[in-house]
Amino acid sequence: MVKRILLVLVSGVILAGLSGCNKPATVNKVIEDEPERLLDFRKIVQQAKDEVFPTVVYIKCIREDHTQGKKMSQEVGGSGVIISVDGEVLTNWHVVDKALEVRCLLYDGRAMDAEVLGTDKDADLALLKLDKGEDEQVPFANVGDSSKLREGDFVMAMGAPLGLSRSVSIGIISCTDRYLPDDSQYSVWLQTDASISPGNSGGPLVNTDGEVVGINTLGVIFGGDMGFSIPSNTVKMLVPQLREHGEVKWSWLGLQLQALRDFEKDIYFDGDQGVIVAETDPESPARRAGLQPRDRIMSIAGRDVRCLTQEDLPAIRRTIGMLEKGEIVTLQYSRGGEIRTVELKPTDKGAVEGEELDCPRWDMTVKEINRFDKPDLYFYRNEGVFIYGVKYPGNARDAGLRENDIILKIDGEKVKTLDDVSRIRKELVDKVDEKSKVVVSVLRKGLLRQCVLDYSRDYEKE
């Protein structure tokens, strides 16, 4: 199948290049001379595939899920690639998020449990380690240099699509620096037309030298094949932290940035140096330092900043994210044509998603408010918990409680943490024979509501 697709692709390029020629004999002569060159290229592709294909693993996870209003076990699948002799496996964060159990199927049929060494939601990257014997050997792939890629380069996407055994698809690099507004916090993406189907997540994107140049993450099936991969250079920068800390310890200043030439918002600034401050986050180092919207940052810690278009934003965010926490950083900026300097201390960005809690009998799940995960709720309450999932049918839904309600009080007691909810629920449910109704005060889109939660009915036993 790969050979057949390749013939169509390469032949199509040849014919397209000669479409303006009215000499069929010449065209035929070119095509007659092609087989030897095509055979050489097929060998290149086959050799590259053989280098990496044995290192691709199918990953099956059992993970917790709280979105349906109760704690449930869910089976999910994805792909990964072995990158070290020790059996380290690269995959996506979303493949192993909240995993209780991770199992990997290797190319040769061996099955191994895997430990999650580290994850990072912002980059959608995870590092696993196979539970193999000391003398047990596994193949591993080389991670290459993604900066060498150019549009038009041939690449292969490998993985386990739709939970099937491993597969390979071929295509080209469509764009080397694709910016996706909701998914480009710290890195631009490699865009390819090599098919990336559900289940390919975490698999390798491979160049014709047999090197991993990306980790397949996003795919668009409808409206044409478009796939997006995390560049290998971003991966190489983050893996040491995942290995050492179990996470990427991003630094945070609380800056919302804007490019000098913002086509989407139709806003353009003079000059070609610096990056614009769009906003500063509440209680952030940037706001405490007095930075304001429309300030133009010229340098950070002595490093000049240049952000012409949105594709330049992730690199600047990475620069900020890798600053030393707690150490004074000098930032130079321009306001009203005047160059100023300010000193500020980056802080640890910390968790980007709150913890979750199941509330049996009440038939709902709750979650911590987090400024990055739920900025709309953080606007109303910078700490506390909100209703994450509501079971149907269930007592919480019957009481009129809804997802994203911020819980203020339960039975008159203030609620600030998951521990508060857990303690109050246990005390009340343990006395269900004496009392089975409680008033829950919530904040819904800024408005205070009182809901009477009747938990006398046990839906789980019905």
Protein backbone atom coordinates (compact mmCIF):
# COMPACT_ATOMS: atom_id res chain seq x y z
CA MET A 1 0.00 0.00 0.00
CA VAL A 2 2.82 2.42 0.88
CA LYS A 3 4.56 1.72 -2.41
CA ARG A 4 1.33 2.23 -4.34
CA ILE A 5 0.65 5.58 -2.65
CA LEU A 6 4.22 6.69 -3.20
CA LEU A 7 4.02 5.90 -6.92
CA VAL A 8 0.91 8.02 -7.24
CA LEU A 9 2.46 10.90 -5.28
CA VAL A 10 5.75 11.01 -7.13
CA SER A 11 4.21 10.35 -10.55
CA GLY A 12 1.67 13.08 -9.85
CA VAL A 13 4.48 15.54 -9.17
CA ILE A 14 6.21 14.60 -12.41
CA LEU A 15 3.05 14.94 -14.51
CA ALA A 16 2.11 18.22 -12.82
CA GLY A 17 5.51 19.66 -13.61
CA LEU A 18 5.08 18.71 -17.27
CA SER A 19 1.41 19.69 -17.61
CA GLY A 20 2.26 22.59 -19.88
CA CYS A 21 4.17 20.39 -22.34
CA ASN A 22 2.47 19.35 -25.59
CA LYS A 23 5.03 16.65 -26.48
CA PRO A 24 3.64 13.27 -25.37
CA ALA A 25 6.76 11.48 -26.62
CA THR A 26 8.92 13.56 -24.27
CA VAL A 27 6.61 12.87 -21.36
CA ASN A 28 6.66 9.15 -22.10
CA LYS A 29 10.45 9.20 -22.27
CA VAL A 30 10.62 10.90 -18.83
CA ILE A 31 8.24 8.33 -17.36
CA GLU A 32 10.20 5.47 -18.92
CA ASP A 33 13.33 6.75 -17.21
CA GLU A 34 11.63 7.10 -13.82
CA PRO A 35 11.45 3.47 -12.50
CA GLU A 36 15.11 3.34 -11.41
CA ARG A 37 14.87 6.65 -9.53
CA LEU A 38 11.55 5.62 -7.97
CA LEU A 39 13.05 2.35 -6.85
CA ASP A 40 15.88 4.22 -5.13
CA PHE A 41 13.41 6.46 -3.35
CA ARG A 42 11.32 3.49 -2.30
CA LYS A 43 14.44 1.97 -0.79
CA ILE A 44 15.09 5.18 1.15
CA VAL A 45 11.55 5.17 2.53
CA GLN A 46 11.69 1.46 3.33
CA GLN A 47 14.99 1.80 5.17
CA ALA A 48 13.68 4.75 7.18
CA LYS A 49 10.53 2.81 8.05
CA ASP A 50 12.56 -0.22 9.12
CA GLU A 51 14.63 1.96 11.46
CA VAL A 52 11.67 3.23 13.48
CA PHE A 53 8.73 0.86 12.95
CA PRO A 54 10.00 -1.77 15.46
CA THR A 55 10.17 0.95 18.16
CA VAL A 56 6.49 1.90 17.86
CA VAL A 57 4.26 0.65 20.69
CA TYR A 58 0.51 0.41 21.14
CA ILE A 59 -0.53 1.86 24.50
CA LYS A 60 -3.64 0.80 26.38
CA CYS A 61 -4.64 2.70 29.52
CA ILE A 62 -7.25 2.32 32.24
CA ARG A 63 -7.91 5.77 33.62
CA GLU A 64 -10.28 7.59 35.94
CA ASP A 65 -13.01 9.76 34.48
CA HIS A 66 -15.21 12.17 36.48
CA THR A 67 -17.04 13.95 33.67
CA GLN A 68 -20.27 11.93 33.98
CA GLY A 69 -20.95 12.93 37.58
CA LYS A 70 -19.30 9.89 39.19
CA LYS A 71 -15.90 8.23 39.20
CA MET A 72 -15.67 5.75 36.34
CA SER A 73 -12.97 3.60 34.81
CA GLN A 74 -12.38 4.20 31.12
CA GLU A 75 -10.22 2.32 28.64
CA VAL A 76 -8.33 4.42 26.12
CA GLY A 77 -5.68 3.64 23.54
CA GLY A 78 -2.86 5.47 21.84
CA SER A 79 0.62 5.12 20.46
CA GLY A 80 4.18 5.74 21.56
CA VAL A 81 7.78 5.36 20.48
CA ILE A 82 10.70 3.89 22.44
CA ILE A 83 13.60 6.39 22.59
CA SER A 84 16.20 4.80 24.87
CA VAL A 85 17.88 1.50 25.68
CA ASP A 86 16.26 1.75 29.13
CA GLY A 87 12.82 1.47 27.54
CA GLU A 88 11.68 5.09 27.82
CA VAL A 89 8.60 5.77 25.70
CA LEU A 90 7.39 9.11 24.36
CA THR A 91 3.66 9.67 23.96
CA ASN A 92 1.01 12.36 24.52
CA TRP A 93 -0.24 13.66 27.85
CA HIS A 94 -3.83 13.11 26.75
CA VAL A 95 -3.13 9.41 26.14
CA VAL A 96 -2.06 8.68 29.75
CA ASP A 97 -3.80 11.48 31.67
CA LYS A 98 -5.15 10.17 35.00
CA ALA A 99 -4.05 6.66 34.07
CA LEU A 100 -4.41 3.96 36.72
CA GLU A 101 -2.79 1.30 34.59
CA VAL A 102 -0.64 1.53 31.46
CA ARG A 103 0.23 -1.45 29.25
CA CYS A 104 2.29 -1.43 26.06
CA LEU A 105 2.32 -3.87 23.16
CA LEU A 106 5.66 -4.03 21.38
CA TYR A 107 6.34 -4.73 17.72
CA ASP A 108 7.45 -8.32 18.38
CA GLY A 109 4.32 -9.18 20.38
CA ARG A 110 5.75 -8.66 23.86
CA ALA A 111 3.44 -6.95 26.35
CA MET A 112 4.85 -4.82 29.17
CA ASP A 113 3.45 -2.64 31.92
CA ALA A 114 4.72 0.93 31.92
CA GLU A 115 5.30 3.57 34.57
CA VAL A 116 4.43 7.21 33.89
CA LEU A 117 7.66 9.11 34.57
CA GLY A 118 6.35 12.56 33.77
CA THR A 119 3.64 14.52 31.97
CA ASP A 120 3.04 18.06 30.77
CA LYS A 121 -0.42 19.19 29.73
CA ASP A 122 0.76 22.45 28.15
CA ALA A 123 2.96 20.62 25.64
CA ASP A 124 0.70 17.51 25.54
CA LEU A 125 3.74 15.34 26.17
CA ALA A 126 4.38 12.34 28.42
CA LEU A 127 7.36 10.10 29.19
CA LEU A 128 6.85 6.46 30.19
CA LYS A 129 9.23 3.67 31.14
CA LEU A 130 8.65 0.04 30.23
CA ASP A 131 8.73 -2.46 33.08
CA LYS A 132 11.22 -4.81 31.45
CA GLY A 133 13.74 -7.23 32.87
CA GLU A 134 17.33 -6.08 33.40
CA ASP A 135 18.62 -8.31 30.61
CA GLU A 136 15.63 -7.74 28.37
CA GLN A 137 16.44 -5.62 25.34
CA VAL A 138 14.13 -3.34 23.37
CA PRO A 139 14.70 -1.46 20.11
CA PHE A 140 14.77 2.33 20.28
CA ALA A 141 14.62 5.20 17.80
CA ASN A 142 16.87 8.21 17.36
CA VAL A 143 15.30 11.63 17.90
CA GLY A 144 16.36 13.97 15.09
CA ASP A 145 16.53 17.72 14.47
CA SER A 146 13.13 19.12 13.46
CA SER A 147 14.63 22.49 12.52
CA LYS A 148 16.08 20.89 9.38
CA LEU A 149 12.62 20.10 8.00
CA ARG A 150 11.31 22.07 5.05
CA GLU A 151 7.88 22.23 3.43
CA GLY A 152 7.66 19.43 0.90
CA ASP A 153 9.93 16.99 2.76
CA PHE A 154 8.59 13.44 2.84
CA VAL A 155 7.66 12.09 6.27
CA MET A 156 5.91 9.04 7.69
CA ALA A 157 3.34 9.00 10.50
CA MET A 158 3.44 5.80 12.54
CA GLY A 159 1.16 4.51 15.26
CA ALA A 160 -1.79 2.30 16.11
CA PRO A 161 -4.85 3.97 14.51
CA LEU A 162 -8.29 3.16 15.89
CA GLY A 163 -6.78 0.64 18.30
CA LEU A 164 -5.49 -1.55 15.48
CA SER A 165 -1.99 -2.93 15.26
CA ARG A 166 0.67 -0.48 14.11
CA SER A 167 0.56 1.16 10.70
CA VAL A 168 2.45 3.71 8.65
CA SER A 169 1.20 6.46 6.34
CA ILE A 170 3.27 8.70 4.10
CA GLY A 171 2.98 12.35 3.15
CA ILE A 172 4.89 15.61 3.16
CA ILE A 173 5.52 18.42 5.59
CA SER A 174 2.84 20.99 4.74
CA CYS A 175 4.03 23.65 7.20
CA THR A 176 6.97 23.72 9.61
CA ASP A 177 5.62 26.37 11.97
CA ARG A 178 1.84 26.09 12.16
CA TYR A 179 0.33 28.25 14.92
CA LEU A 180 -2.90 26.96 16.49
CA PRO A 181 -4.31 29.62 18.84
CA ASP A 182 -5.72 27.19 21.40
CA ASP A 183 -2.82 24.70 21.26
CA SER A 184 0.36 26.71 20.72
CA GLN A 185 1.26 27.85 24.21
CA TYR A 186 4.94 26.93 24.01
CA SER A 187 5.46 25.45 20.56
CA VAL A 188 4.38 25.76 16.97
CA TRP A 189 3.40 22.55 15.18
CA LEU A 190 4.61 20.50 12.26
CA GLN A 191 1.69 20.16 9.84
CA THR A 192 1.61 17.12 7.56
CA ASP A 193 -0.83 15.49 5.17
CA ALA A 194 0.33 12.04 6.31
CA SER A 195 -2.80 10.52 7.84
CA ILE A 196 -3.02 10.85 11.66
CA SER A 197 -6.13 8.98 12.78
CA PRO A 198 -7.56 8.55 16.31
CA GLY A 199 -5.19 6.19 18.08
CA ASN A 200 -2.13 7.58 16.27
CA SER A 201 -1.70 10.08 19.10
CA GLY A 202 1.76 9.73 20.62
CA GLY A 203 3.24 7.92 17.63
CA PRO A 204 6.35 9.19 15.84
CA LEU A 205 6.61 11.38 12.78
CA VAL A 206 9.66 10.08 10.90
CA ASN A 207 11.89 11.63 8.24
CA THR A 208 13.59 9.79 5.38
CA ASP A 209 16.75 9.40 7.47
CA GLY A 210 14.86 7.17 9.90
CA GLU A 211 14.77 9.75 12.70
CA VAL A 212 11.87 10.83 14.88
CA VAL A 213 11.21 14.48 14.04
CA GLY A 214 7.84 14.85 15.79
CA ILE A 215 5.24 13.28 18.05
CA ASN A 216 1.85 12.95 16.36
CA THR A 217 -0.81 14.69 18.42
CA LEU A 218 -3.71 16.20 16.48
CA GLY A 219 -5.55 15.05 13.38
CA VAL A 220 -8.28 16.53 11.21
CA ILE A 221 -10.22 13.90 9.27
CA PHE A 222 -13.05 15.86 7.70
CA GLY A 223 -12.33 18.45 5.05
CA GLY A 224 -9.01 16.91 4.03
CA ASP A 225 -6.21 15.15 5.86
CA MET A 226 -4.30 17.48 8.15
CA GLY A 227 -2.17 16.23 11.00
CA PHE A 228 -0.13 18.11 13.58
CA SER A 229 2.95 16.90 15.42
CA ILE A 230 5.04 18.29 18.29
CA PRO A 231 8.50 19.14 16.83
CA SER A 232 11.30 16.92 18.10
CA ASN A 233 13.35 19.95 19.19
CA THR A 234 10.56 20.91 21.59
CA VAL A 235 10.48 17.32 22.82
CA LYS A 236 14.24 17.23 23.43
CA MET A 237 14.04 20.43 25.45
CA LEU A 238 11.33 19.06 27.78
CA VAL A 239 12.25 15.38 28.22
CA PRO A 240 15.06 16.04 30.77
CA GLN A 241 12.57 17.81 33.07
CA LEU A 242 9.98 15.06 32.68
CA ARG A 243 12.68 12.52 33.53
CA GLU A 244 14.01 14.45 36.55
CA HIS A 245 10.95 16.17 38.01
CA GLY A 246 7.98 14.24 36.63
CA GLU A 247 6.74 17.48 35.13
CA VAL A 248 7.91 20.58 33.30
CA LYS A 249 8.49 23.34 35.83
CA TRP A 250 7.43 26.33 33.78
CA SER A 251 8.12 29.80 35.13
CA TRP A 252 5.30 32.34 35.02
CA LEU A 253 5.10 36.13 34.78
CA GLY A 254 1.40 36.51 33.99
CA LEU A 255 1.93 38.19 30.60
CA GLN A 256 -0.58 37.93 27.78
CA LEU A 257 1.32 38.78 24.61
CA GLN A 258 0.38 40.06 21.16
CA ALA A 259 2.37 40.09 17.91
CA LEU A 260 3.26 43.36 16.19
CA ARG A 261 1.29 42.31 13.13
CA ASP A 262 -1.93 40.75 14.36
CA PHE A 263 -3.88 39.85 11.23
CA GLU A 264 -6.74 38.13 13.08
CA LYS A 265 -7.52 41.21 15.18
CA ASP A 266 -6.54 43.62 12.41
CA ILE A 267 -4.13 45.44 14.73
CA TYR A 268 -0.69 46.51 13.51
CA PHE A 269 2.12 48.24 15.40
CA ASP A 270 4.99 50.25 13.92
CA GLY A 271 8.49 48.83 13.78
CA ASP A 272 9.74 45.27 13.84
CA GLN A 273 11.23 44.97 17.34
CA GLY A 274 9.60 43.77 20.57
CA VAL A 275 6.32 42.16 21.54
CA ILE A 276 3.17 43.88 22.77
CA VAL A 277 1.63 43.36 26.21
CA ALA A 278 -2.04 42.57 25.57
CA GLU A 279 -2.91 42.12 29.26
CA THR A 280 -1.44 41.08 32.61
CA ASP A 281 -3.03 38.43 34.81
CA PRO A 282 -4.40 39.34 38.25
CA GLU A 283 -1.96 38.85 41.14
CA SER A 284 0.88 38.12 38.71
CA PRO A 285 4.51 39.32 38.85
CA ALA A 286 3.90 41.34 35.67
CA ARG A 287 0.94 43.22 37.13
CA ARG A 288 2.68 43.84 40.45
CA ALA A 289 5.65 45.24 38.51
CA GLY A 290 3.35 47.81 36.86
CA LEU A 291 3.37 46.55 33.27
CA GLN A 292 0.36 47.73 31.29
CA PRO A 293 -1.46 46.81 28.06
CA ARG A 294 0.21 48.24 24.93
CA ASP A 295 3.65 48.29 26.58
CA ARG A 296 6.22 46.99 24.09
CA ILE A 297 8.69 44.52 25.66
CA MET A 298 12.08 44.93 24.00
CA SER A 299 14.21 42.45 25.95
CA ILE A 300 13.88 39.80 28.66
CA ALA A 301 16.87 39.00 30.89
CA GLY A 302 19.16 40.68 28.36
CA ARG A 303 17.76 38.77 25.38
CA ASP A 304 16.26 40.89 22.59
CA VAL A 305 12.65 40.10 21.70
CA ARG A 306 11.19 40.16 18.19
CA CYS A 307 7.63 39.05 17.48
CA LEU A 308 6.37 40.05 14.06
CA THR A 309 3.60 37.45 13.74
CA GLN A 310 1.79 35.00 16.00
CA GLU A 311 4.16 32.21 14.94
CA ASP A 312 6.85 33.98 16.99
CA LEU A 313 4.81 33.92 20.23
CA PRO A 314 5.56 30.34 21.42
CA ALA A 315 9.33 30.92 21.38
CA ILE A 316 8.96 34.02 23.58
CA ARG A 317 6.69 32.12 25.97
CA ARG A 318 9.31 29.36 26.13
CA THR A 319 11.95 31.95 27.00
CA ILE A 320 9.79 33.17 29.86
CA GLY A 321 8.90 29.62 30.88
CA MET A 322 12.57 28.67 31.24
CA LEU A 323 13.56 31.63 33.43
CA GLU A 324 14.97 30.84 36.88
CA LYS A 325 12.20 31.00 39.46
CA GLY A 326 12.60 33.44 42.34
CA GLU A 327 15.58 35.20 40.75
CA ILE A 328 15.30 38.84 39.72
CA VAL A 329 14.89 39.33 35.97
CA THR A 330 15.36 42.66 34.21
CA LEU A 331 12.79 43.45 31.55
CA GLN A 332 13.18 46.38 29.16
CA TYR A 333 10.09 47.87 27.59
CA SER A 334 8.83 50.91 25.73
CA ARG A 335 5.85 53.02 26.82
CA GLY A 336 4.86 56.10 24.84
CA GLY A 337 8.23 56.10 23.08
CA GLU A 338 10.17 56.09 26.37
CA ILE A 339 12.45 53.11 27.13
CA ARG A 340 12.03 51.83 30.68
CA THR A 341 13.33 48.92 32.73
CA VAL A 342 11.67 46.94 35.48
CA GLU A 343 12.78 44.10 37.73
CA LEU A 344 10.49 41.20 38.60
CA LYS A 345 10.69 37.66 39.91
CA PRO A 346 9.21 34.75 37.92
CA THR A 347 7.16 32.33 39.98
CA ASP A 348 6.40 28.65 39.51
CA LYS A 349 3.45 28.30 37.16
CA GLY A 350 2.30 25.30 39.18
CA ALA A 351 -0.62 23.03 38.36
CA VAL A 352 -2.57 23.89 35.23
CA GLU A 353 -5.56 21.76 36.21
CA GLY A 354 -7.34 21.19 39.53
CA GLU A 355 -7.79 17.88 41.33
CA GLU A 356 -11.15 16.09 41.17
CA LEU A 357 -13.40 14.40 43.73
CA ASP A 358 -16.32 12.00 43.46
CA CYS A 359 -19.36 12.64 45.67
CA PRO A 360 -21.36 9.39 45.84
CA ARG A 361 -25.03 9.63 46.83
CA TRP A 362 -25.02 13.29 45.90
CA ASP A 363 -24.44 12.09 42.29
CA MET A 364 -21.92 14.72 41.25
CA THR A 365 -18.20 15.29 40.97
CA VAL A 366 -16.36 18.46 41.99
CA LYS A 367 -13.05 20.00 40.96
CA GLU A 368 -10.65 22.67 42.18
CA ILE A 369 -10.77 26.06 40.47
CA ASN A 370 -7.58 26.69 38.50
CA ARG A 371 -6.66 29.94 36.78
CA PHE A 372 -5.34 28.17 33.68
CA ASP A 373 -7.96 25.44 33.36
CA LYS A 374 -11.02 27.55 34.27
CA PRO A 375 -10.18 31.26 33.88
CA ASP A 376 -13.88 32.16 33.62
CA LEU A 377 -14.55 30.68 37.08
CA TYR A 378 -11.28 32.06 38.47
CA PHE A 379 -12.59 35.51 37.58
CA TYR A 380 -15.28 35.08 40.24
CA ARG A 381 -13.32 33.04 42.81
CA ASN A 382 -9.54 32.64 42.84
CA GLU A 383 -9.87 29.61 45.09
CA GLY A 384 -12.55 27.06 45.78
CA VAL A 385 -14.32 24.20 44.03
CA PHE A 386 -16.91 23.90 41.29
CA ILE A 387 -19.27 21.19 40.10
CA TYR A 388 -17.41 19.26 37.42
CA GLY A 389 -19.94 16.60 36.43
CA VAL A 390 -23.61 15.90 37.21
CA LYS A 391 -24.95 12.37 36.93
CA TYR A 392 -28.16 11.63 35.05
CA PRO A 393 -30.40 10.56 36.62
CA GLY A 394 -29.19 11.71 40.02
CA ASN A 395 -29.87 13.76 43.12
CA ALA A 396 -27.69 16.75 42.17
CA ARG A 397 -29.47 17.14 38.84
CA ASP A 398 -32.86 16.83 40.54
CA ALA A 399 -31.83 19.64 42.89
CA GLY A 400 -31.07 21.97 39.98
CA LEU A 401 -27.29 21.90 40.42
CA ARG A 402 -25.37 22.35 37.18
CA GLU A 403 -21.86 21.93 35.83
CA ASN A 404 -19.56 24.92 36.50
CA ASP A 405 -21.57 26.03 39.54
CA ILE A 406 -19.08 27.36 42.11
CA ILE A 407 -19.89 25.90 45.53
CA LEU A 408 -19.89 28.57 48.26
CA LYS A 409 -21.57 26.79 51.18
CA ILE A 410 -22.97 23.37 52.04
CA ASP A 411 -25.34 23.19 54.99
CA GLY A 412 -24.19 26.66 56.03
CA GLU A 413 -20.49 25.76 56.08
CA LYS A 414 -18.10 27.65 53.81
CA VAL A 415 -16.39 25.56 51.16
CA LYS A 416 -12.89 26.37 49.91
CA THR A 417 -11.21 23.03 49.25
CA LEU A 418 -11.97 19.48 48.13
CA ASP A 419 -11.25 18.36 51.70
CA ASP A 420 -14.09 20.60 52.89
CA VAL A 421 -16.51 18.96 50.45
CA SER A 422 -15.30 15.46 51.32
CA ARG A 423 -15.62 16.00 55.06
CA ILE A 424 -19.06 17.63 54.92
CA ARG A 425 -20.43 15.01 52.54
CA LYS A 426 -19.23 12.13 54.70
CA GLU A 427 -20.74 13.62 57.85
CA LEU A 428 -24.10 14.17 56.18
CA VAL A 429 -24.32 10.90 54.23
CA ASP A 430 -23.38 8.91 57.34
CA LYS A 431 -26.50 10.40 58.98
CA VAL A 432 -28.79 9.91 55.99
CA ASP A 433 -31.43 8.19 58.13
CA GLU A 434 -31.69 11.30 60.33
CA LYS A 435 -31.24 13.98 57.70
CA SER A 436 -31.39 13.66 53.91
CA LYS A 437 -31.70 17.26 52.69
CA VAL A 438 -29.12 20.01 52.61
CA VAL A 439 -28.97 23.56 51.21
CA VAL A 440 -26.14 24.13 48.73
CA SER A 441 -25.22 27.75 47.95
CA VAL A 442 -23.63 28.20 44.54
CA LEU A 443 -22.43 30.99 42.29
CA ARG A 444 -23.67 30.57 38.71
CA LYS A 445 -22.38 33.11 36.19
CA GLY A 446 -21.96 35.64 38.97
CA LEU A 447 -25.41 35.11 40.48
CA LEU A 448 -26.03 33.51 43.90
CA ARG A 449 -28.40 30.55 43.96
CA GLN A 450 -29.70 28.31 46.74
CA CYS A 451 -30.41 24.69 45.84
CA VAL A 452 -31.97 22.08 48.12
CA LEU A 453 -30.13 18.79 47.61
CA ASP A 454 -32.32 15.82 48.58
CA TYR A 455 -30.12 12.71 48.72
CA SER A 456 -32.59 10.32 50.33
CA ARG A 457 -32.80 8.40 47.07
CA ASP A 458 -29.94 6.00 46.23
CA TYR A 459 -29.80 5.90 42.44
CA GLU A 460 -26.88 3.45 42.46
CA LYS A 461 -29.04 0.72 44.00
CA GLU A 462 -32.00 1.25 41.69
